[in-house]
Structure formats: structure tokens, C-alpha cells
Amino acid sequence: MSSSSARARIESLTVRAHAEAWSPRTDLDWWGGGPVVPAGVTAAAYVDSVSQLFHAEQASLRIAAALVGRLGDPAAEAFLATQVADEERHAQALRGYLERLGDVAPIDRHLAAVVAHARRADGPPWVQIAALDVMLAHEVMPLQQRRLAHGRCPLLRQIGARLAADDVRHAAFGVAYLELTLPTVAAAERAAGQAWLAELWQLWTVAVLARARPAGRTLHPDRGALAALATHAAALLRQLGLVGELSTPALAGA
């Protein structure tokens, strides 16, 4: 894939982002009914699960904002500005939903470890783009959004649809940016980036598996879903020029 083709796709995604921009305040039906807790799930477990999605969106906002000015390409920077705005909207929408549930749970300690690892990255920006827009937006968030929005709540389904549409653009940008960047990356830098991404994946799967046992099982992916996700994500990274595997770790007592 040529650099001119990847850049043209990024420019097109930026145009789409501006055309598809939305407002949490006016483009969601906050007045058509409050949150609906899924059957078989306690209110506390539901609040906690949605809260973790909110904390993940806040972390995505901070990571994206920290990348501004570092991507080394004007087209990529223009798209990143739209992604920062998107991530802020996502956090606002989920915060509004949680306010209607009456509570926001603290960040789970396992998710906090994922966020801390992601924010400690001091390498080249392509590594964090791979984490944020390929591993997260392309692979992880669609799975989690589908599971939460599969319930009975029309309001959360509205929010999920908006987030999912934005994440499709973010994922497409991540792929295009890596196609633009990776051909010039030295082997040693590539290997270091791959190792960091594999560690991040391990931390995230530990976080999900820990929360899936036992009370949150209906809200969180199980080991089989995570293994399939790891296989798919690793195949995509290999297609982009990154080698290595993404594994699903064992948990004590699992």
C-alpha cells in the first residue's frame, strides 16, 4: 500500500469525521426514558460495568490528546484532532448515562494497570496509535460495546451506536497510519513496539477475565471470546507488518 494511498484515506476519514460530528446534549434522546438494567444483573454490577467503559473512554481521550503534535504528518494530525473531539464526546455521553443511573464506580484496579501501562509509553507515536486505534478501536471496543448494548436499554443502545460509528473511523485511521509509518521503522524499534503491545494485551485480558468471574459474566467476554479476539487482532497486526502473538493469560483459580 503506497504512502499516498494511506494519506488519501486519512484525509477522507477527516472529512467524514467533520460531517458525522454529533452532540451528546442534543443528538441523544435523554428524555425518552432512563437507563434500563439488564435482566439478571444487579444495579451495582451494571453501574460498575458501564463505569469501566467510561474510564476507558477517559483514558483514550488523555492518550489521544497527548499524541497531538507528535504524529509527524499533517493529514494524520488533522484526523487526530477529530478523534480527540470524539473521545471527549464519548466520555460525556457515558458520564451523562451514569448520572442517570445515580452513580459512577471507581476504576477497576486491573483496568487501572492497563491505563498506567498505556500512559507510560515513551516510544514512537505509532506504538500508541497501534494500541489506541488498532487494538482498542478495531478489536476491543466493538466487542465490549456489543455486549453492553445487547441489553434492554434503548438509551445505551443509542450511545453505543454513536460510539461504534466513531470507532470505525478511528480503527480505519489506525490501519492507514501504520501503513504510512511502519515501512520506515527500523527492526529494533519494531520489535520493542511489538513487545510493548503484547504486554498491554496481556494486562487488558487479565482485567477482563478478572471481572468476568463470577458476577459480571453476562456483561463481559469469556475466555473463548478473548482467545478469538487475540487471534484476530494478531492477524491484523501481522498484515500491517508486525509479527508475534497475542495470548490470553491464565488466572489463578480460573
C-alpha atoms as a PDB file:
ATOM      1  CA  MET A   1       0.000   0.000   0.000  1.00  0.00           C
ATOM      2  CA  SER A   2       1.554   3.331  -1.034  1.00  0.00           C
ATOM      3  CA  SER A   3       2.011   6.213   1.355  1.00  0.00           C
ATOM      4  CA  SER A   4      -0.066   8.451  -0.937  1.00  0.00           C
ATOM      5  CA  SER A   5      -2.968   5.992  -0.781  1.00  0.00           C
ATOM      6  CA  ALA A   6      -2.803   5.770   3.021  1.00  0.00           C
ATOM      7  CA  ARG A   7      -2.656   9.553   3.331  1.00  0.00           C
ATOM      8  CA  ALA A   8      -5.605   9.992   0.971  1.00  0.00           C
ATOM      9  CA  ARG A   9      -7.657   7.594   3.131  1.00  0.00           C
ATOM     10  CA  ILE A  10      -6.734   9.585   6.228  1.00  0.00           C
ATOM     11  CA  GLU A  11      -7.813  12.816   4.561  1.00  0.00           C
ATOM     12  CA  SER A  12     -11.127  11.209   3.569  1.00  0.00           C
ATOM     13  CA  LEU A  13     -11.670   9.999   7.142  1.00  0.00           C
ATOM     14  CA  THR A  14     -11.136  13.542   8.413  1.00  0.00           C
ATOM     15  CA  VAL A  15     -13.816  14.849   6.071  1.00  0.00           C
ATOM     16  CA  ARG A  16     -16.166  12.099   7.295  1.00  0.00           C
ATOM     17  CA  ALA A  17     -15.403  12.901  10.917  1.00  0.00           C
ATOM     18  CA  HIS A  18     -16.435  16.517  10.493  1.00  0.00           C
ATOM     19  CA  ALA A  19     -19.601  15.504   8.609  1.00  0.00           C
ATOM     20  CA  GLU A  20     -20.559  12.917  11.241  1.00  0.00           C
ATOM     21  CA  ALA A  21     -19.806  15.003  14.352  1.00  0.00           C
ATOM     22  CA  TRP A  22     -22.579  14.787  16.962  1.00  0.00           C
ATOM     23  CA  SER A  23     -23.522  16.319  20.277  1.00  0.00           C
ATOM     24  CA  PRO A  24     -24.178  14.263  23.435  1.00  0.00           C
ATOM     25  CA  ARG A  25     -26.512  17.008  24.578  1.00  0.00           C
ATOM     26  CA  THR A  26     -28.778  17.281  21.514  1.00  0.00           C
ATOM     27  CA  ASP A  27     -28.322  14.081  19.466  1.00  0.00           C
ATOM     28  CA  LEU A  28     -29.247  11.561  22.164  1.00  0.00           C
ATOM     29  CA  ASP A  29     -32.806  11.085  23.434  1.00  0.00           C
ATOM     30  CA  TRP A  30     -32.227  11.709  27.136  1.00  0.00           C
ATOM     31  CA  TRP A  31     -35.939  12.358  27.629  1.00  0.00           C
ATOM     32  CA  GLY A  32     -37.326   9.184  26.096  1.00  0.00           C
ATOM     33  CA  GLY A  33     -36.673   7.022  29.147  1.00  0.00           C
ATOM     34  CA  GLY A  34     -33.959   6.400  31.684  1.00  0.00           C
ATOM     35  CA  PRO A  35     -31.395   3.606  31.863  1.00  0.00           C
ATOM     36  CA  VAL A  36     -32.665   0.019  31.945  1.00  0.00           C
ATOM     37  CA  VAL A  37     -30.611  -2.534  33.880  1.00  0.00           C
ATOM     38  CA  PRO A  38     -30.336  -5.902  32.052  1.00  0.00           C
ATOM     39  CA  ALA A  39     -32.235  -8.852  33.441  1.00  0.00           C
ATOM     40  CA  GLY A  40     -30.159 -10.987  35.775  1.00  0.00           C
ATOM     41  CA  VAL A  41     -27.695  -8.196  36.558  1.00  0.00           C
ATOM     42  CA  THR A  42     -27.684  -6.162  39.765  1.00  0.00           C
ATOM     43  CA  ALA A  43     -27.828  -2.389  39.529  1.00  0.00           C
ATOM     44  CA  ALA A  44     -24.426  -2.174  41.229  1.00  0.00           C
ATOM     45  CA  ALA A  45     -22.823  -4.583  38.731  1.00  0.00           C
ATOM     46  CA  TYR A  46     -24.332  -2.669  35.825  1.00  0.00           C
ATOM     47  CA  VAL A  47     -23.112   0.683  37.133  1.00  0.00           C
ATOM     48  CA  ASP A  48     -19.673  -0.812  37.621  1.00  0.00           C
ATOM     49  CA  SER A  49     -19.516  -2.237  34.085  1.00  0.00           C
ATOM     50  CA  VAL A  50     -20.653   0.965  32.387  1.00  0.00           C
ATOM     51  CA  SER A  51     -18.264   2.908  34.622  1.00  0.00           C
ATOM     52  CA  GLN A  52     -15.312   0.896  33.344  1.00  0.00           C
ATOM     53  CA  LEU A  53     -16.292   1.758  29.767  1.00  0.00           C
ATOM     54  CA  PHE A  54     -16.449   5.416  30.845  1.00  0.00           C
ATOM     55  CA  HIS A  55     -12.997   5.199  32.443  1.00  0.00           C
ATOM     56  CA  ALA A  56     -11.635   3.558  29.270  1.00  0.00           C
ATOM     57  CA  GLU A  57     -13.012   6.414  27.166  1.00  0.00           C
ATOM     58  CA  GLN A  58     -11.466   8.971  29.516  1.00  0.00           C
ATOM     59  CA  ALA A  59      -8.134   7.196  29.197  1.00  0.00           C
ATOM     60  CA  SER A  60      -8.485   7.139  25.399  1.00  0.00           C
ATOM     61  CA  LEU A  61      -9.095  10.888  25.458  1.00  0.00           C
ATOM     62  CA  ARG A  62      -5.953  11.523  27.513  1.00  0.00           C
ATOM     63  CA  ILE A  63      -3.812   9.277  25.295  1.00  0.00           C
ATOM     64  CA  ALA A  64      -5.121  10.822  22.076  1.00  0.00           C
ATOM     65  CA  ALA A  65      -4.623  14.343  23.403  1.00  0.00           C
ATOM     66  CA  ALA A  66      -1.041  13.513  24.418  1.00  0.00           C
ATOM     67  CA  LEU A  67      -0.290  12.426  20.836  1.00  0.00           C
ATOM     68  CA  VAL A  68      -1.219  15.813  19.347  1.00  0.00           C
ATOM     69  CA  GLY A  69       1.783  17.309  17.577  1.00  0.00           C
ATOM     70  CA  ARG A  70       3.736  14.034  17.581  1.00  0.00           C
ATOM     71  CA  LEU A  71       2.448  12.146  14.530  1.00  0.00           C
ATOM     72  CA  GLY A  72       4.800  13.745  12.021  1.00  0.00           C
ATOM     73  CA  ASP A  73       2.231  14.115   9.249  1.00  0.00           C
ATOM     74  CA  PRO A  74      -0.237  16.996   8.711  1.00  0.00           C
ATOM     75  CA  ALA A  75      -3.025  14.725   7.461  1.00  0.00           C
ATOM     76  CA  ALA A  76      -2.655  12.441  10.476  1.00  0.00           C
ATOM     77  CA  GLU A  77      -2.628  15.424  12.831  1.00  0.00           C
ATOM     78  CA  ALA A  78      -5.827  16.761  11.254  1.00  0.00           C
ATOM     79  CA  PHE A  79      -7.571  13.440  11.836  1.00  0.00           C
ATOM     80  CA  LEU A  80      -6.225  13.146  15.369  1.00  0.00           C
ATOM     81  CA  ALA A  81      -7.869  16.466  16.229  1.00  0.00           C
ATOM     82  CA  THR A  82     -11.238  14.966  15.265  1.00  0.00           C
ATOM     83  CA  GLN A  83     -10.528  11.854  17.335  1.00  0.00           C
ATOM     84  CA  VAL A  84      -9.762  13.923  20.422  1.00  0.00           C
ATOM     85  CA  ALA A  85     -13.156  15.609  19.989  1.00  0.00           C
ATOM     86  CA  ASP A  86     -14.816  12.215  19.506  1.00  0.00           C
ATOM     87  CA  GLU A  87     -13.254  10.754  22.655  1.00  0.00           C
ATOM     88  CA  GLU A  88     -14.432  13.765  24.647  1.00  0.00           C
ATOM     89  CA  ARG A  89     -17.979  13.239  23.348  1.00  0.00           C
ATOM     90  CA  HIS A  90     -17.835   9.551  24.272  1.00  0.00           C
ATOM     91  CA  ALA A  91     -16.816  10.314  27.837  1.00  0.00           C
ATOM     92  CA  GLN A  92     -19.505  12.999  28.140  1.00  0.00           C
ATOM     93  CA  ALA A  93     -22.238  10.669  26.868  1.00  0.00           C
ATOM     94  CA  LEU A  94     -21.288   7.844  29.219  1.00  0.00           C
ATOM     95  CA  ARG A  95     -20.963  10.251  32.123  1.00  0.00           C
ATOM     96  CA  GLY A  96     -24.478  11.511  31.412  1.00  0.00           C
ATOM     97  CA  TYR A  97     -25.774   7.949  31.335  1.00  0.00           C
ATOM     98  CA  LEU A  98     -24.091   7.127  34.635  1.00  0.00           C
ATOM     99  CA  GLU A  99     -25.514  10.268  36.219  1.00  0.00           C
ATOM    100  CA  ARG A 100     -28.968   8.951  35.355  1.00  0.00           C
ATOM    101  CA  LEU A 101     -28.053   5.651  36.973  1.00  0.00           C
ATOM    102  CA  GLY A 102     -27.137   7.666  40.043  1.00  0.00           C
ATOM    103  CA  ASP A 103     -23.515   6.644  40.494  1.00  0.00           C
ATOM    104  CA  VAL A 104     -20.079   6.272  38.934  1.00  0.00           C
ATOM    105  CA  ALA A 105     -17.976   3.367  40.172  1.00  0.00           C
ATOM    106  CA  PRO A 106     -14.225   3.824  40.619  1.00  0.00           C
ATOM    107  CA  ILE A 107     -11.875   2.435  38.016  1.00  0.00           C
ATOM    108  CA  ASP A 108     -11.157  -1.268  38.449  1.00  0.00           C
ATOM    109  CA  ARG A 109      -7.603  -1.925  39.638  1.00  0.00           C
ATOM    110  CA  HIS A 110      -6.874  -4.207  36.671  1.00  0.00           C
ATOM    111  CA  LEU A 111      -8.108  -1.606  34.197  1.00  0.00           C
ATOM    112  CA  ALA A 112      -6.054   0.996  36.061  1.00  0.00           C
ATOM    113  CA  ALA A 113      -2.971  -1.158  35.386  1.00  0.00           C
ATOM    114  CA  VAL A 114      -3.804  -1.184  31.662  1.00  0.00           C
ATOM    115  CA  VAL A 115      -4.217   2.596  31.626  1.00  0.00           C
ATOM    116  CA  ALA A 116      -0.995   3.123  33.568  1.00  0.00           C
ATOM    117  CA  HIS A 117       0.926   0.923  31.109  1.00  0.00           C
ATOM    118  CA  ALA A 118      -0.575   2.767  28.136  1.00  0.00           C
ATOM    119  CA  ARG A 119       0.249   6.192  29.546  1.00  0.00           C
ATOM    120  CA  ARG A 120       3.815   5.195  30.453  1.00  0.00           C
ATOM    121  CA  ALA A 121       4.673   4.579  26.816  1.00  0.00           C
ATOM    122  CA  ASP A 122       7.599   6.793  25.883  1.00  0.00           C
ATOM    123  CA  GLY A 123       8.352   5.300  22.478  1.00  0.00           C
ATOM    124  CA  PRO A 124       7.372   6.427  18.998  1.00  0.00           C
ATOM    125  CA  PRO A 125       3.755   7.519  18.457  1.00  0.00           C
ATOM    126  CA  TRP A 126       2.952   4.663  16.056  1.00  0.00           C
ATOM    127  CA  VAL A 127       3.014   2.276  19.020  1.00  0.00           C
ATOM    128  CA  GLN A 128       0.296   4.165  20.877  1.00  0.00           C
ATOM    129  CA  ILE A 129      -1.721   4.561  17.670  1.00  0.00           C
ATOM    130  CA  ALA A 130      -1.497   0.773  17.262  1.00  0.00           C
ATOM    131  CA  ALA A 131      -2.783   0.362  20.816  1.00  0.00           C
ATOM    132  CA  LEU A 132      -5.473   3.052  20.683  1.00  0.00           C
ATOM    133  CA  ASP A 133      -6.828   2.685  17.166  1.00  0.00           C
ATOM    134  CA  VAL A 134      -5.939  -0.835  16.049  1.00  0.00           C
ATOM    135  CA  MET A 135      -6.073  -2.968  19.194  1.00  0.00           C
ATOM    136  CA  LEU A 136      -8.659  -0.878  21.076  1.00  0.00           C
ATOM    137  CA  ALA A 137     -10.920   0.757  18.475  1.00  0.00           C
ATOM    138  CA  HIS A 138     -10.619  -2.015  15.867  1.00  0.00           C
ATOM    139  CA  GLU A 139     -10.803  -5.047  18.162  1.00  0.00           C
ATOM    140  CA  VAL A 140     -11.610  -4.450  21.831  1.00  0.00           C
ATOM    141  CA  MET A 141     -14.244  -1.721  21.957  1.00  0.00           C
ATOM    142  CA  PRO A 142     -16.612  -3.258  19.385  1.00  0.00           C
ATOM    143  CA  LEU A 143     -16.754  -6.456  21.454  1.00  0.00           C
ATOM    144  CA  GLN A 144     -17.451  -4.645  24.721  1.00  0.00           C
ATOM    145  CA  GLN A 145     -19.944  -2.221  23.166  1.00  0.00           C
ATOM    146  CA  ARG A 146     -21.871  -5.096  21.584  1.00  0.00           C
ATOM    147  CA  ARG A 147     -22.175  -6.884  24.913  1.00  0.00           C
ATOM    148  CA  LEU A 148     -23.347  -3.833  26.841  1.00  0.00           C
ATOM    149  CA  ALA A 149     -25.695  -2.569  24.108  1.00  0.00           C
ATOM    150  CA  HIS A 150     -27.212  -6.017  23.616  1.00  0.00           C
ATOM    151  CA  GLY A 151     -29.368  -5.442  26.685  1.00  0.00           C
ATOM    152  CA  ARG A 152     -32.778  -3.866  27.014  1.00  0.00           C
ATOM    153  CA  CYS A 153     -31.753  -0.221  27.385  1.00  0.00           C
ATOM    154  CA  PRO A 154     -32.689   1.970  24.374  1.00  0.00           C
ATOM    155  CA  LEU A 155     -30.594   4.868  25.668  1.00  0.00           C
ATOM    156  CA  LEU A 156     -27.424   2.806  25.971  1.00  0.00           C
ATOM    157  CA  ARG A 157     -28.048   1.368  22.516  1.00  0.00           C
ATOM    158  CA  GLN A 158     -28.187   4.934  21.168  1.00  0.00           C
ATOM    159  CA  ILE A 159     -24.916   5.811  22.874  1.00  0.00           C
ATOM    160  CA  GLY A 160     -23.324   2.568  21.734  1.00  0.00           C
ATOM    161  CA  ALA A 161     -24.298   3.207  18.118  1.00  0.00           C
ATOM    162  CA  ARG A 162     -22.703   6.668  18.208  1.00  0.00           C
ATOM    163  CA  LEU A 163     -19.513   5.364  19.811  1.00  0.00           C
ATOM    164  CA  ALA A 164     -19.311   2.456  17.391  1.00  0.00           C
ATOM    165  CA  ALA A 165     -19.622   4.712  14.329  1.00  0.00           C
ATOM    166  CA  ASP A 166     -16.785   6.901  15.601  1.00  0.00           C
ATOM    167  CA  ASP A 167     -14.636   3.879  16.461  1.00  0.00           C
ATOM    168  CA  VAL A 168     -14.979   2.587  12.886  1.00  0.00           C
ATOM    169  CA  ARG A 169     -13.260   5.780  11.712  1.00  0.00           C
ATOM    170  CA  HIS A 170     -10.623   5.564  14.443  1.00  0.00           C
ATOM    171  CA  ALA A 171      -9.862   1.972  13.503  1.00  0.00           C
ATOM    172  CA  ALA A 172      -9.566   2.835   9.819  1.00  0.00           C
ATOM    173  CA  PHE A 173      -7.221   5.692  10.699  1.00  0.00           C
ATOM    174  CA  GLY A 174      -5.071   3.404  12.840  1.00  0.00           C
ATOM    175  CA  VAL A 175      -4.633   0.957   9.970  1.00  0.00           C
ATOM    176  CA  ALA A 176      -3.855   3.746   7.478  1.00  0.00           C
ATOM    177  CA  TYR A 177      -1.413   5.449   9.843  1.00  0.00           C
ATOM    178  CA  LEU A 178       0.515   2.231  10.427  1.00  0.00           C
ATOM    179  CA  GLU A 179       0.616   1.604   6.671  1.00  0.00           C
ATOM    180  CA  LEU A 180       2.020   5.124   6.296  1.00  0.00           C
ATOM    181  CA  THR A 181       4.561   4.789   9.114  1.00  0.00           C
ATOM    182  CA  LEU A 182       5.762   1.211   9.542  1.00  0.00           C
ATOM    183  CA  PRO A 183       7.651   0.823   6.238  1.00  0.00           C
ATOM    184  CA  THR A 184      10.284   3.270   7.529  1.00  0.00           C
ATOM    185  CA  VAL A 185      10.545   1.843  11.063  1.00  0.00           C
ATOM    186  CA  ALA A 186      13.797   0.054  11.944  1.00  0.00           C
ATOM    187  CA  ALA A 187      13.698  -3.579  13.047  1.00  0.00           C
ATOM    188  CA  ALA A 188      14.787  -2.850  16.622  1.00  0.00           C
ATOM    189  CA  GLU A 189      12.102  -0.196  17.082  1.00  0.00           C
ATOM    190  CA  ARG A 190       9.519  -2.532  15.592  1.00  0.00           C
ATOM    191  CA  ALA A 191      10.493  -5.337  17.978  1.00  0.00           C
ATOM    192  CA  ALA A 192      10.326  -3.034  21.004  1.00  0.00           C
ATOM    193  CA  GLY A 193       6.901  -1.780  19.941  1.00  0.00           C
ATOM    194  CA  GLN A 194       5.611  -5.314  19.430  1.00  0.00           C
ATOM    195  CA  ALA A 195       6.790  -6.335  22.909  1.00  0.00           C
ATOM    196  CA  TRP A 196       5.029  -3.345  24.476  1.00  0.00           C
ATOM    197  CA  LEU A 197       1.795  -4.092  22.616  1.00  0.00           C
ATOM    198  CA  ALA A 198       1.903  -7.749  23.697  1.00  0.00           C
ATOM    199  CA  GLU A 199       2.316  -6.694  27.333  1.00  0.00           C
ATOM    200  CA  LEU A 200      -0.585  -4.258  27.020  1.00  0.00           C
ATOM    201  CA  TRP A 201      -2.772  -7.024  25.588  1.00  0.00           C
ATOM    202  CA  GLN A 202      -1.889  -9.330  28.479  1.00  0.00           C
ATOM    203  CA  LEU A 203      -2.828  -6.666  31.022  1.00  0.00           C
ATOM    204  CA  TRP A 204      -6.141  -5.994  29.288  1.00  0.00           C
ATOM    205  CA  THR A 205      -7.146  -9.659  29.075  1.00  0.00           C
ATOM    206  CA  VAL A 206      -6.302 -10.146  32.756  1.00  0.00           C
ATOM    207  CA  ALA A 207      -8.558  -7.177  33.537  1.00  0.00           C
ATOM    208  CA  VAL A 208     -11.467  -8.597  31.535  1.00  0.00           C
ATOM    209  CA  LEU A 209     -11.116 -12.156  32.833  1.00  0.00           C
ATOM    210  CA  ALA A 210     -10.882 -10.985  36.439  1.00  0.00           C
ATOM    211  CA  ARG A 211     -14.145  -9.069  36.062  1.00  0.00           C
ATOM    212  CA  ALA A 212     -15.949 -11.883  34.263  1.00  0.00           C
ATOM    213  CA  ARG A 213     -15.797 -14.137  37.331  1.00  0.00           C
ATOM    214  CA  PRO A 214     -18.444 -14.530  38.596  1.00  0.00           C
ATOM    215  CA  ALA A 215     -20.931 -11.654  38.959  1.00  0.00           C
ATOM    216  CA  GLY A 216     -20.162  -9.821  35.723  1.00  0.00           C
ATOM    217  CA  ARG A 217     -20.201 -12.873  33.464  1.00  0.00           C
ATOM    218  CA  THR A 218     -23.226 -11.705  31.498  1.00  0.00           C
ATOM    219  CA  LEU A 219     -21.584  -8.334  30.845  1.00  0.00           C
ATOM    220  CA  HIS A 220     -18.043  -9.366  29.939  1.00  0.00           C
ATOM    221  CA  PRO A 221     -16.385 -11.587  27.318  1.00  0.00           C
ATOM    222  CA  ASP A 222     -15.356 -15.077  28.384  1.00  0.00           C
ATOM    223  CA  ARG A 223     -12.021 -16.801  27.729  1.00  0.00           C
ATOM    224  CA  GLY A 224     -13.185 -18.207  24.379  1.00  0.00           C
ATOM    225  CA  ALA A 225     -14.235 -14.800  23.084  1.00  0.00           C
ATOM    226  CA  LEU A 226     -10.948 -13.293  24.216  1.00  0.00           C
ATOM    227  CA  ALA A 227      -8.886 -16.039  22.561  1.00  0.00           C
ATOM    228  CA  ALA A 228     -10.732 -15.477  19.276  1.00  0.00           C
ATOM    229  CA  LEU A 229     -10.195 -11.729  19.635  1.00  0.00           C
ATOM    230  CA  ALA A 230      -6.463 -12.232  20.251  1.00  0.00           C
ATOM    231  CA  THR A 231      -6.160 -14.380  17.128  1.00  0.00           C
ATOM    232  CA  HIS A 232      -7.963 -11.800  15.000  1.00  0.00           C
ATOM    233  CA  ALA A 233      -6.007  -8.851  16.409  1.00  0.00           C
ATOM    234  CA  ALA A 234      -2.664 -10.632  15.933  1.00  0.00           C
ATOM    235  CA  ALA A 235      -3.569 -11.450  12.319  1.00  0.00           C
ATOM    236  CA  LEU A 236      -4.367  -7.786  11.662  1.00  0.00           C
ATOM    237  CA  LEU A 237      -1.077  -6.656  13.210  1.00  0.00           C
ATOM    238  CA  ARG A 238       0.825  -9.190  11.098  1.00  0.00           C
ATOM    239  CA  GLN A 239      -0.949  -7.913   7.993  1.00  0.00           C
ATOM    240  CA  LEU A 240       0.333  -4.450   8.889  1.00  0.00           C
ATOM    241  CA  GLY A 241       3.898  -5.708   9.267  1.00  0.00           C
ATOM    242  CA  LEU A 242       4.095  -6.545  12.970  1.00  0.00           C
ATOM    243  CA  VAL A 243       4.870 -10.118  13.971  1.00  0.00           C
ATOM    244  CA  GLY A 244       4.270 -12.037  17.176  1.00  0.00           C
ATOM    245  CA  GLU A 245       1.283 -13.443  19.015  1.00  0.00           C
ATOM    246  CA  LEU A 246      -1.254 -12.010  21.441  1.00  0.00           C
ATOM    247  CA  SER A 247      -2.042 -14.581  24.117  1.00  0.00           C
ATOM    248  CA  THR A 248      -4.828 -14.992  26.653  1.00  0.00           C
ATOM    249  CA  PRO A 249      -3.127 -15.474  30.029  1.00  0.00           C
ATOM    250  CA  ALA A 250      -4.198 -17.885  32.735  1.00  0.00           C
ATOM    251  CA  LEU A 251      -5.576 -16.557  36.002  1.00  0.00           C
ATOM    252  CA  ALA A 252      -5.048 -18.145  39.374  1.00  0.00           C
ATOM    253  CA  GLY A 253      -8.149 -20.108  40.251  1.00  0.00           C
ATOM    254  CA  ALA A 254      -9.523 -19.985  36.715  1.00  0.00           C
END
